[in-house]
């Protein structure tokens, strides 16, 4: 009988001893401040506290308590019901919001890069058009040069043609000067003619008026 009682006591003691497990991370659930004590008992010495969302390392687990190590390095026991292996909702939301902010920044950077690429592409297209235009102008210039060389024959012919053109220009300038002088002379002659005609008309009008006055006085 005594042996049976001893065996039962030993079984009870084994049941109360927390079973070892591999290290894992758990989080304080809800908005709580959880006590960390020196032993798995409500009346044990208070070593510290952990708050909602704070991560702790699980060193051992029992039926009602966890043996934990806090972020500050405190090792103690806390009630198992207040811990979860899942991230708290507040922590998840905070991380998601942070990730969303990062994604928005990346999106803005991608949009900016796309705009810069579009501008660079437009500039490259403009340069390509300008290059094509320049090539066409160069081709036209070469064609004109070839045609001029073909028509001219040689440098001597070009010089002779230039001299002839200069001579013709000089003659035309001389003729233009003669015409200009004749035109000025004609203008002066025409002006004198109209002046004389005006004076004659004025004198004729004065004479007719005088005769008319004499006739009226004779009556």
Protein backbone atom coordinates (compact mmCIF):
# COMPACT_ATOMS: atom_id res chain seq x y z
CA UNK A 1 0.00 0.00 0.00
CA UNK A 2 2.79 2.37 0.94
CA UNK A 3 4.60 1.47 -2.30
CA UNK A 4 1.49 2.30 -4.36
CA UNK A 5 1.15 5.66 -2.67
CA UNK A 6 4.80 6.43 -3.36
CA UNK A 7 4.33 5.53 -7.03
CA UNK A 8 1.30 7.84 -7.31
CA UNK A 9 3.23 10.72 -5.75
CA UNK A 10 6.05 10.20 -8.21
CA UNK A 11 3.60 10.21 -11.12
CA UNK A 12 2.05 13.45 -9.87
CA UNK A 13 5.47 15.06 -9.58
CA UNK A 14 6.38 13.99 -13.11
CA UNK A 15 3.12 15.42 -14.40
CA UNK A 16 3.85 18.79 -12.80
CA UNK A 17 7.33 19.04 -14.29
CA UNK A 18 7.17 20.90 -17.65
CA UNK A 19 8.19 18.72 -20.55
CA UNK A 20 11.13 19.97 -22.60
CA UNK A 21 10.49 21.09 -26.20
CA UNK A 22 12.42 22.68 -28.98
CA UNK A 23 12.86 26.48 -28.93
CA UNK A 24 10.10 28.42 -30.64
CA UNK A 25 8.77 31.98 -30.71
CA UNK A 26 5.37 32.99 -29.39
CA UNK A 27 3.62 36.37 -28.99
CA UNK A 28 1.47 37.92 -26.30
CA UNK A 29 -2.14 37.92 -27.52
CA UNK A 30 -4.68 40.78 -27.17
CA UNK A 31 -3.88 44.02 -25.35
CA UNK A 32 -2.35 42.57 -22.21
CA UNK A 33 0.48 42.94 -19.74
CA UNK A 34 1.54 39.41 -18.75
CA UNK A 35 3.54 38.67 -15.62
CA UNK A 36 6.81 36.75 -15.75
CA UNK A 37 7.46 34.86 -12.47
CA UNK A 38 10.27 32.85 -11.03
CA UNK A 39 8.24 29.57 -10.97
CA UNK A 40 4.99 28.24 -12.48
CA UNK A 41 2.82 29.59 -9.69
CA UNK A 42 0.61 32.63 -9.15
CA UNK A 43 2.34 33.41 -5.85
CA UNK A 44 5.88 33.16 -7.21
CA UNK A 45 8.26 36.11 -7.34
CA UNK A 46 7.50 38.62 -10.09
CA UNK A 47 10.51 39.01 -12.38
CA UNK A 48 9.00 41.27 -15.02
CA UNK A 49 6.25 41.68 -17.58
CA UNK A 50 5.71 41.35 -21.32
CA UNK A 51 3.21 43.29 -23.39
CA UNK A 52 0.96 42.54 -26.33
CA UNK A 53 2.90 41.91 -29.52
CA UNK A 54 6.19 41.33 -27.70
CA UNK A 55 8.07 38.23 -28.84
CA UNK A 56 9.49 35.74 -26.32
CA UNK A 57 11.54 32.59 -26.71
CA UNK A 58 9.89 29.43 -25.36
CA UNK A 59 12.38 27.35 -23.41
CA UNK A 60 9.95 24.79 -21.99
CA UNK A 61 6.22 24.15 -21.90
CA UNK A 62 3.87 22.66 -19.30
CA UNK A 63 0.14 22.19 -18.94
CA UNK A 64 -0.59 25.78 -17.83
CA UNK A 65 2.73 27.64 -17.95
CA UNK A 66 5.52 28.40 -20.38
CA UNK A 67 9.13 28.86 -19.45
CA UNK A 68 10.24 31.83 -21.53
CA UNK A 69 13.11 34.21 -22.18
CA UNK A 70 12.07 37.81 -22.86
CA UNK A 71 13.70 40.26 -25.23
CA UNK A 72 15.46 41.78 -22.19
CA UNK A 73 16.95 38.38 -21.29
CA UNK A 74 14.69 37.63 -18.31
CA UNK A 75 13.98 33.92 -17.87
CA UNK A 76 10.79 32.97 -16.04
CA UNK A 77 7.30 31.48 -16.23
CA UNK A 78 4.07 32.92 -17.62
CA UNK A 79 0.58 31.55 -18.08
CA UNK A 80 0.34 29.63 -21.34
CA UNK A 81 -3.13 30.90 -22.28
CA UNK A 82 -1.83 34.39 -23.01
CA UNK A 83 0.62 33.32 -25.71
CA UNK A 84 0.15 32.29 -29.31
CA UNK A 85 2.45 31.07 -32.06
CA UNK A 86 0.60 33.33 -34.49
CA UNK A 87 1.48 36.97 -35.00
CA UNK A 88 -0.95 39.38 -33.28
CA UNK A 89 -3.34 41.16 -35.61
CA UNK A 90 -1.93 44.55 -34.71
CA UNK A 91 1.57 43.38 -35.62
CA UNK A 92 0.33 41.83 -38.86
CA UNK A 93 -1.51 45.03 -39.79
CA UNK A 94 1.52 47.14 -38.97
CA UNK A 95 3.77 44.95 -41.12
CA UNK A 96 1.27 44.97 -43.97
CA UNK A 97 1.02 48.75 -43.81
CA UNK A 98 4.80 49.00 -43.86
CA UNK A 99 4.99 46.62 -46.83
CA UNK A 100 2.26 48.61 -48.57
CA UNK A 101 4.26 51.81 -48.07
CA UNK A 102 7.34 50.15 -49.50
CA UNK A 103 5.38 48.82 -52.47
CA UNK A 104 3.93 52.28 -53.10
CA UNK A 105 7.43 53.73 -53.09
CA UNK A 106 8.59 51.04 -55.49
CA UNK A 107 5.58 51.72 -57.71
CA UNK A 108 6.34 55.45 -57.73
CA UNK A 109 9.97 54.71 -58.57
CA UNK A 110 8.88 52.40 -61.41
CA UNK A 111 6.51 55.03 -62.79
CA UNK A 112 9.25 57.66 -62.63
CA UNK A 113 11.67 55.31 -64.36
CA UNK A 114 9.06 54.60 -67.04
CA UNK A 115 8.51 58.32 -67.60
CA UNK A 116 12.25 58.89 -67.85
CA UNK A 117 12.54 55.98 -70.26
CA UNK A 118 9.70 57.42 -72.35
CA UNK A 119 11.39 60.82 -72.43
CA UNK A 120 14.71 59.22 -73.37
CA UNK A 121 12.97 57.22 -76.09
CA UNK A 122 11.33 60.36 -77.47
CA UNK A 123 14.67 62.17 -77.42
CA UNK A 124 16.34 59.24 -79.15
CA UNK A 125 13.61 59.25 -81.79
CA UNK A 126 14.11 62.97 -82.33
CA UNK A 127 17.87 62.46 -82.69
CA UNK A 128 17.22 59.64 -85.14
CA UNK A 129 14.98 61.89 -87.24
CA UNK A 130 17.59 64.66 -87.13
CA UNK A 131 20.30 62.20 -88.15
CA UNK A 132 18.20 60.96 -91.07
CA UNK A 133 17.56 64.57 -92.12
CA UNK A 134 21.28 65.38 -91.93
CA UNK A 135 22.14 62.29 -93.98
CA UNK A 136 19.62 63.33 -96.63
CA UNK A 137 21.10 66.85 -96.73
CA UNK A 138 24.58 65.40 -97.11
CA UNK A 139 23.38 63.16 -99.94
CA UNK A 140 21.76 66.15 -101.70
CA UNK A 141 24.95 68.20 -101.29
CA UNK A 142 27.06 65.41 -102.79
CA UNK A 143 24.66 65.12 -105.71
CA UNK A 144 24.78 68.89 -106.32
CA UNK A 145 28.57 68.84 -106.15
CA UNK A 146 28.77 65.98 -108.63
CA UNK A 147 26.37 67.74 -110.98
CA UNK A 148 28.33 70.98 -110.71
CA UNK A 149 31.60 69.20 -111.42
CA UNK A 150 30.01 67.46 -114.39
CA UNK A 151 28.60 70.69 -115.82
CA UNK A 152 31.70 72.80 -115.18
CA UNK A 153 34.14 70.36 -116.70
CA UNK A 154 37.20 71.93 -115.11
CA UNK A 155 38.31 74.88 -113.02
CA UNK A 156 39.28 77.00 -116.03
CA UNK A 157 35.77 76.96 -117.45
CA UNK A 158 34.38 77.95 -114.06
CA UNK A 159 36.79 80.91 -113.80
CA UNK A 160 35.97 82.07 -117.34
CA UNK A 161 32.27 81.84 -116.69
CA UNK A 162 32.73 83.85 -113.49
CA UNK A 163 34.69 86.57 -115.31
CA UNK A 164 32.01 86.80 -118.02
CA UNK A 165 29.33 87.13 -115.40
CA UNK A 166 31.26 89.88 -113.64
CA UNK A 167 31.68 91.74 -116.93
CA UNK A 168 27.99 91.46 -117.69
CA UNK A 169 27.13 92.72 -114.23
CA UNK A 170 29.45 95.69 -114.68
CA UNK A 171 27.85 96.57 -118.03
CA UNK A 172 24.38 96.27 -116.57
CA UNK A 173 25.39 98.56 -113.70
CA UNK A 174 26.66 101.16 -116.19
CA UNK A 175 23.45 100.96 -118.19
CA UNK A 176 21.48 101.27 -114.97
CA UNK A 177 23.40 104.42 -114.03
CA UNK A 178 22.69 105.95 -117.46
CA UNK A 179 18.99 105.15 -117.13
CA UNK A 180 18.94 106.62 -113.64
CA UNK A 181 20.43 109.89 -114.86
CA UNK A 182 18.02 110.09 -117.78
CA UNK A 183 15.15 109.44 -115.41
CA UNK A 184 16.27 112.23 -113.08
CA UNK A 185 16.61 114.62 -116.04
CA UNK A 186 13.15 113.69 -117.26
CA UNK A 187 11.71 114.26 -113.81
CA UNK A 188 13.31 117.70 -113.62
CA UNK A 189 12.07 118.59 -117.12
CA UNK A 190 8.56 117.41 -116.34
CA UNK A 191 8.56 119.36 -113.11
CA UNK A 192 9.61 122.57 -114.89
CA UNK A 193 6.94 122.03 -117.52
CA UNK A 194 4.19 121.66 -114.97
CA UNK A 195 5.50 124.69 -113.06
CA UNK A 196 5.42 126.82 -116.22
CA UNK A 197 1.96 125.54 -117.09
CA UNK A 198 0.71 126.42 -113.64
CA UNK A 199 2.18 129.90 -113.83
CA UNK A 200 0.58 130.45 -117.27
CA UNK A 201 -2.82 129.33 -116.01
CA UNK A 202 -2.49 131.63 -113.01
CA UNK A 203 -1.56 134.58 -115.27
CA UNK A 204 -4.40 133.80 -117.67
CA UNK A 205 -6.89 133.70 -114.81
CA UNK A 206 -5.59 137.03 -113.49
CA UNK A 207 -5.88 138.62 -116.95
CA UNK A 208 -9.44 137.38 -117.51
CA UNK A 209 -10.46 138.72 -114.13
CA UNK A 210 -9.01 142.12 -114.86
CA UNK A 211 -10.80 142.35 -118.21
CA UNK A 212 -14.05 141.38 -116.58
CA UNK A 213 -13.70 144.14 -114.00
CA UNK A 214 -13.07 146.76 -116.71
CA UNK A 215 -16.16 145.70 -118.59
CA UNK A 216 -18.31 146.00 -115.48
CA UNK A 217 -16.92 149.41 -114.74
CA UNK A 218 -17.65 150.53 -118.37
CA UNK A 219 -21.31 149.81 -117.99
